[in-house]
Protein backbone atom coordinates (compact mmCIF):
# COMPACT_ATOMS: atom_id res chain seq x y z
CA MET A 1 12.68 -18.68 39.65
CA ASN A 2 16.09 -18.14 38.02
CA THR A 3 15.93 -21.68 36.66
CA VAL A 4 12.55 -20.95 35.08
CA LEU A 5 13.98 -17.82 33.42
CA VAL A 6 17.00 -19.69 32.03
CA GLN A 7 14.82 -22.48 30.65
CA GLU A 8 12.39 -20.00 29.08
CA MET A 9 15.25 -18.08 27.44
CA GLY A 10 16.61 -21.34 26.01
CA ARG A 11 13.25 -22.18 24.42
CA PHE A 12 12.73 -18.70 23.00
CA ASN A 13 16.31 -18.54 21.69
CA LYS A 14 15.69 -21.76 19.77
CA LEU A 15 12.57 -20.24 18.20
CA LEU A 16 14.37 -16.96 17.51
CA SER A 17 17.22 -18.82 15.83
CA SER A 18 14.76 -20.71 13.60
CA VAL A 19 13.00 -17.49 12.58
CA ARG A 20 16.25 -15.62 11.89
CA SER A 21 17.94 -18.40 9.90
CA SER A 22 14.87 -19.07 7.73
CA LEU A 23 14.47 -15.37 6.86
CA ILE A 24 18.18 -15.02 6.01
CA ASN A 25 18.08 -18.14 3.81
CA ILE A 26 14.95 -16.92 2.02
CA GLN A 27 16.76 -13.68 1.11
CA LYS A 28 19.72 -15.73 -0.16
CA ALA A 29 17.41 -18.02 -2.14
CA ILE A 30 15.69 -15.06 -3.80
CA ARG A 31 19.12 -13.77 -4.88
CA GLY A 32 20.03 -17.24 -6.16
CA LEU A 33 22.79 -17.87 -3.61
CA VAL A 34 21.18 -21.01 -2.12
CA VAL A 35 18.58 -23.52 -3.27
CA MET A 36 14.96 -22.70 -2.42
CA SER A 37 14.07 -25.84 -0.48
CA SER A 38 10.50 -26.96 0.18
CA ASP A 39 10.79 -25.72 3.80
CA LEU A 40 11.94 -22.27 2.69
CA GLU A 41 9.21 -22.13 0.06
CA GLU A 42 6.61 -22.97 2.72
CA VAL A 43 7.93 -20.14 4.91
CA PHE A 44 7.87 -17.73 1.94
CA VAL A 45 4.29 -18.64 0.93
CA SER A 46 3.08 -18.45 4.54
CA ILE A 47 4.53 -14.95 4.92
CA LEU A 48 2.75 -13.85 1.74
CA LYS A 49 -0.53 -15.25 3.10
CA GLY A 50 -0.02 -13.73 6.57
CA LYS A 51 0.12 -17.15 8.27
CA ILE A 52 2.61 -18.49 10.80
CA PRO A 53 5.06 -20.74 8.88
CA GLY A 54 5.02 -24.39 9.87
CA LEU A 55 8.82 -24.35 10.21
CA TRP A 56 8.49 -21.75 12.98
CA MET A 57 5.64 -23.59 14.69
CA GLN A 58 7.90 -26.65 15.14
CA HIS A 59 9.83 -24.61 17.73
CA SER A 60 7.03 -22.26 18.80
CA TYR A 61 4.49 -22.03 21.59
CA PRO A 62 0.84 -22.67 20.55
CA SER A 63 -0.73 -19.72 18.75
CA LEU A 64 -3.70 -19.15 16.43
CA LYS A 65 -2.81 -15.53 15.66
CA PRO A 66 -2.17 -14.19 12.16
CA LEU A 67 1.47 -13.55 11.33
CA GLY A 68 1.52 -9.82 12.18
CA SER A 69 -0.06 -10.32 15.60
CA TYR A 70 2.16 -13.35 16.24
CA VAL A 71 5.32 -11.32 15.63
CA ASN A 72 4.11 -8.54 17.96
CA ASP A 73 3.24 -11.14 20.62
CA PHE A 74 6.64 -12.82 20.19
CA LEU A 75 8.47 -9.51 20.62
CA ALA A 76 6.41 -8.71 23.74
CA ARG A 77 7.40 -12.07 25.24
CA LEU A 78 11.07 -11.43 24.50
CA LYS A 79 10.81 -8.00 26.16
CA PHE A 80 9.14 -9.58 29.20
CA LEU A 81 12.06 -12.00 29.62
CA GLN A 82 14.66 -9.29 28.92
CA ASP A 83 13.16 -6.99 31.57
CA TRP A 84 13.10 -9.92 34.01
CA TYR A 85 16.79 -10.63 33.31
CA GLU A 86 17.87 -7.00 33.65
CA SER A 87 15.65 -5.81 36.50
CA GLY A 88 14.86 -8.97 38.44
CA PRO A 89 11.54 -10.83 38.81
CA PRO A 90 8.52 -8.58 38.14
CA ASN A 91 5.97 -7.86 40.85
CA VAL A 92 3.22 -9.16 38.54
CA PHE A 93 4.10 -11.97 36.14
CA TRP A 94 2.64 -12.06 32.63
CA LEU A 95 1.26 -15.61 32.71
CA SER A 96 0.56 -15.61 28.98
CA GLY A 97 4.18 -14.71 28.21
CA PHE A 98 5.64 -18.07 29.22
CA TYR A 99 6.51 -20.77 26.72
CA PHE A 100 6.12 -23.60 29.27
CA THR A 101 3.70 -22.16 31.82
CA GLN A 102 3.62 -25.30 33.98
CA ALA A 103 7.32 -24.86 34.84
CA PHE A 104 6.63 -21.38 36.23
CA LEU A 105 3.67 -22.62 38.29
CA THR A 106 5.70 -25.50 39.69
CA GLY A 107 8.59 -23.14 40.47
CA ALA A 108 6.32 -20.89 42.55
CA GLN A 109 5.11 -23.92 44.52
CA GLN A 110 8.69 -25.12 45.05
CA ASN A 111 9.67 -21.76 46.54
CA TYR A 112 6.80 -22.01 49.02
CA ALA A 113 7.59 -25.66 49.80
CA ARG A 114 11.25 -24.85 50.56
CA LYS A 115 10.33 -21.80 52.64
CA TYR A 116 7.97 -23.69 54.96
CA ALA A 117 9.52 -27.19 54.61
CA ILE A 118 6.31 -28.71 53.23
CA PRO A 119 6.30 -31.56 50.67
CA ILE A 120 5.32 -30.07 47.32
CA ASP A 121 2.86 -32.87 46.57
CA LEU A 122 0.70 -31.63 49.49
CA LEU A 123 0.36 -28.15 47.95
CA GLU A 124 -2.29 -26.68 45.74
CA TYR A 125 -3.08 -23.17 44.59
CA ASP A 126 -5.71 -20.94 46.13
CA TYR A 127 -6.84 -18.06 43.92
CA GLU A 128 -7.75 -14.50 44.84
CA MET A 129 -8.97 -11.97 42.26
CA LEU A 130 -7.44 -8.57 42.95
CA GLU A 131 -8.06 -5.03 41.73
CA ASP A 132 -6.89 -3.60 38.41
CA ARG A 133 -3.95 -1.49 39.53
CA ASP A 134 -0.17 -1.45 39.69
CA TYR A 135 1.43 -3.45 42.49
CA GLY A 136 4.67 -2.06 43.83
CA PHE A 137 5.69 -5.18 45.70
CA PRO A 138 5.34 -8.93 45.09
CA PRO A 139 3.28 -10.98 47.57
CA GLU A 140 4.99 -12.54 50.56
CA ASP A 141 3.91 -16.00 49.37
CA GLY A 142 2.85 -17.06 45.89
CA VAL A 143 2.78 -14.86 42.79
CA TYR A 144 0.65 -12.19 41.15
CA VAL A 145 -0.25 -12.99 37.52
CA ARG A 146 -1.99 -11.10 34.74
CA GLY A 147 -2.86 -11.58 31.08
CA LEU A 148 -5.83 -13.98 31.20
CA PHE A 149 -9.05 -13.61 29.21
CA LEU A 150 -12.46 -14.98 30.15
CA ASP A 151 -14.38 -16.74 27.37
CA GLY A 152 -18.13 -17.35 27.73
CA ALA A 153 -18.61 -15.04 30.72
CA ARG A 154 -17.26 -11.84 32.27
CA TRP A 155 -15.77 -10.87 35.61
CA ASP A 156 -18.08 -8.61 37.65
CA ARG A 157 -15.58 -6.26 39.29
CA LYS A 158 -18.13 -4.81 41.70
CA ALA A 159 -19.63 -8.07 42.96
CA GLY A 160 -16.41 -10.06 42.63
CA VAL A 161 -18.04 -13.04 40.89
CA LEU A 162 -18.56 -14.49 37.42
CA ALA A 163 -21.37 -12.86 35.46
CA GLU A 164 -23.07 -13.19 32.08
CA SER A 165 -21.21 -11.78 29.08
CA LEU A 166 -22.23 -8.35 27.86
CA PRO A 167 -23.92 -8.20 24.44
CA LYS A 168 -21.44 -8.40 21.51
CA VAL A 169 -18.47 -8.81 23.88
CA LEU A 170 -16.80 -12.17 23.31
CA TYR A 171 -13.96 -11.95 25.82
CA ASP A 172 -13.39 -10.15 29.11
CA THR A 173 -9.98 -9.29 30.54
CA MET A 174 -9.36 -10.76 33.98
CA PRO A 175 -7.83 -8.62 36.73
CA VAL A 176 -4.57 -9.45 38.49
CA ILE A 177 -4.85 -12.85 40.19
CA TRP A 178 -2.97 -13.90 43.31
CA LEU A 179 -1.86 -17.53 43.14
CA LYS A 180 -1.33 -18.63 46.74
CA PRO A 181 0.25 -22.06 47.39
CA LEU A 182 -1.40 -23.73 50.39
CA LYS A 183 -1.77 -27.20 51.79
CA ARG A 184 -4.88 -28.81 50.32
CA SER A 185 -6.37 -29.20 53.77
CA ASP A 186 -5.94 -25.46 54.46
CA ILE A 187 -7.72 -24.18 51.35
CA PRO A 188 -11.11 -22.77 52.44
CA GLU A 189 -14.29 -23.99 50.76
CA ARG A 190 -16.15 -21.26 48.92
CA PRO A 191 -18.69 -21.07 46.05
CA CYS A 192 -16.69 -21.19 42.83
CA TYR A 193 -16.48 -22.51 39.29
CA VAL A 194 -13.42 -24.62 38.49
CA THR A 195 -12.39 -22.89 35.28
CA PRO A 196 -9.99 -24.60 32.85
CA VAL A 197 -7.13 -22.41 31.59
CA TYR A 198 -5.97 -22.91 27.99
CA LYS A 199 -3.16 -21.33 26.01
CA THR A 200 -5.37 -20.82 22.92
CA SER A 201 -9.07 -20.87 22.09
CA GLU A 202 -8.59 -24.21 20.32
CA ARG A 203 -9.00 -25.81 23.78
CA ARG A 204 -7.26 -29.00 22.83
CA GLY A 205 -3.70 -30.23 22.75
CA THR A 206 -1.47 -33.26 22.85
CA LEU A 207 0.60 -34.73 25.64
CA SER A 208 4.18 -33.52 25.44
CA THR A 209 7.25 -35.50 26.51
CA THR A 210 6.97 -33.86 29.96
CA GLY A 211 3.54 -35.43 30.50
CA HIS A 212 1.77 -32.05 30.28
CA SER A 213 -0.75 -30.96 27.67
CA THR A 214 0.48 -28.57 24.98
CA ASN A 215 -2.64 -26.42 25.47
CA PHE A 216 -4.26 -27.03 28.87
CA VAL A 217 -2.46 -25.23 31.71
CA LEU A 218 -4.42 -25.78 34.94
CA SER A 219 -7.88 -25.47 36.52
CA MET A 220 -8.48 -22.22 38.37
CA LYS A 221 -11.18 -21.72 41.01
CA VAL A 222 -13.08 -18.52 40.16
CA PRO A 223 -15.70 -17.17 42.63
CA SER A 224 -19.27 -17.65 41.45
CA ASP A 225 -22.76 -17.23 42.87
CA LYS A 226 -24.27 -19.71 40.39
CA PRO A 227 -23.91 -23.52 40.28
CA PRO A 228 -21.06 -24.91 38.13
CA GLU A 229 -23.55 -26.43 35.66
CA HIS A 230 -24.62 -22.91 34.68
CA TRP A 231 -21.13 -22.05 33.42
CA VAL A 232 -20.44 -25.49 31.96
CA CYS A 233 -23.41 -25.01 29.61
CA ARG A 234 -21.84 -21.72 28.46
CA GLY A 235 -18.44 -23.30 27.90
CA VAL A 236 -16.69 -20.84 30.21
CA ALA A 237 -12.89 -21.03 30.18
CA LEU A 238 -9.85 -18.82 30.69
CA LEU A 239 -7.51 -18.17 27.77
CA CYS A 240 -3.89 -17.05 27.85
CA GLN A 241 -4.15 -15.37 24.44
CA LEU A 242 -6.74 -14.34 21.90
CA ASP A 243 -6.77 -15.15 18.19
CA ASN A 244 -6.30 -11.60 16.91
């Protein structure tokens, strides 16, 4: 997981450098010390409108938040990585806090594959929804993750299955989820809905140079007592972040 942390810090440092340099140059441009280029003007106008500047988005993770919420989210992600660096891997990982989430998921599978000498291409995740509480220790295998939101349905904490959304409640916070790497042949069959996980509510992205989507993360099996078609008609999906 140390490799994942180093790579994440590199990506966030690049974004942080872009934000810092553009803000410093805007201050200089206002004082007449440098030329106000079209890029700096776009950043300045976006800040006035409360939008994320396009110059920042070139180095940023996907986000549909307004500028104020984006800055708070960005600072929370930096704190997550700083705490990880200073105190070691957390017991529960903030899945939404990663820039490149697929690298973290692959890293967890690689740890399991090395531990039990199993080829990684034979592994797949099994998912267990846990209780909403603090966990003092990490799992023996796999990882605990938090920070997902359910769109189009809610999680029934008593029954432990998907349920219809409550009136006037758009999103429901998911509990801590245990991602357990297992051989595909060892994953038990159970009634579930294969729920797509997206980084934003836009639910679309482009293929990056790594071959992964810029928005889609993975498909997660969530326990359900209704047929999959029921939830497909409601457009049920898991989101890493909301738009506010």
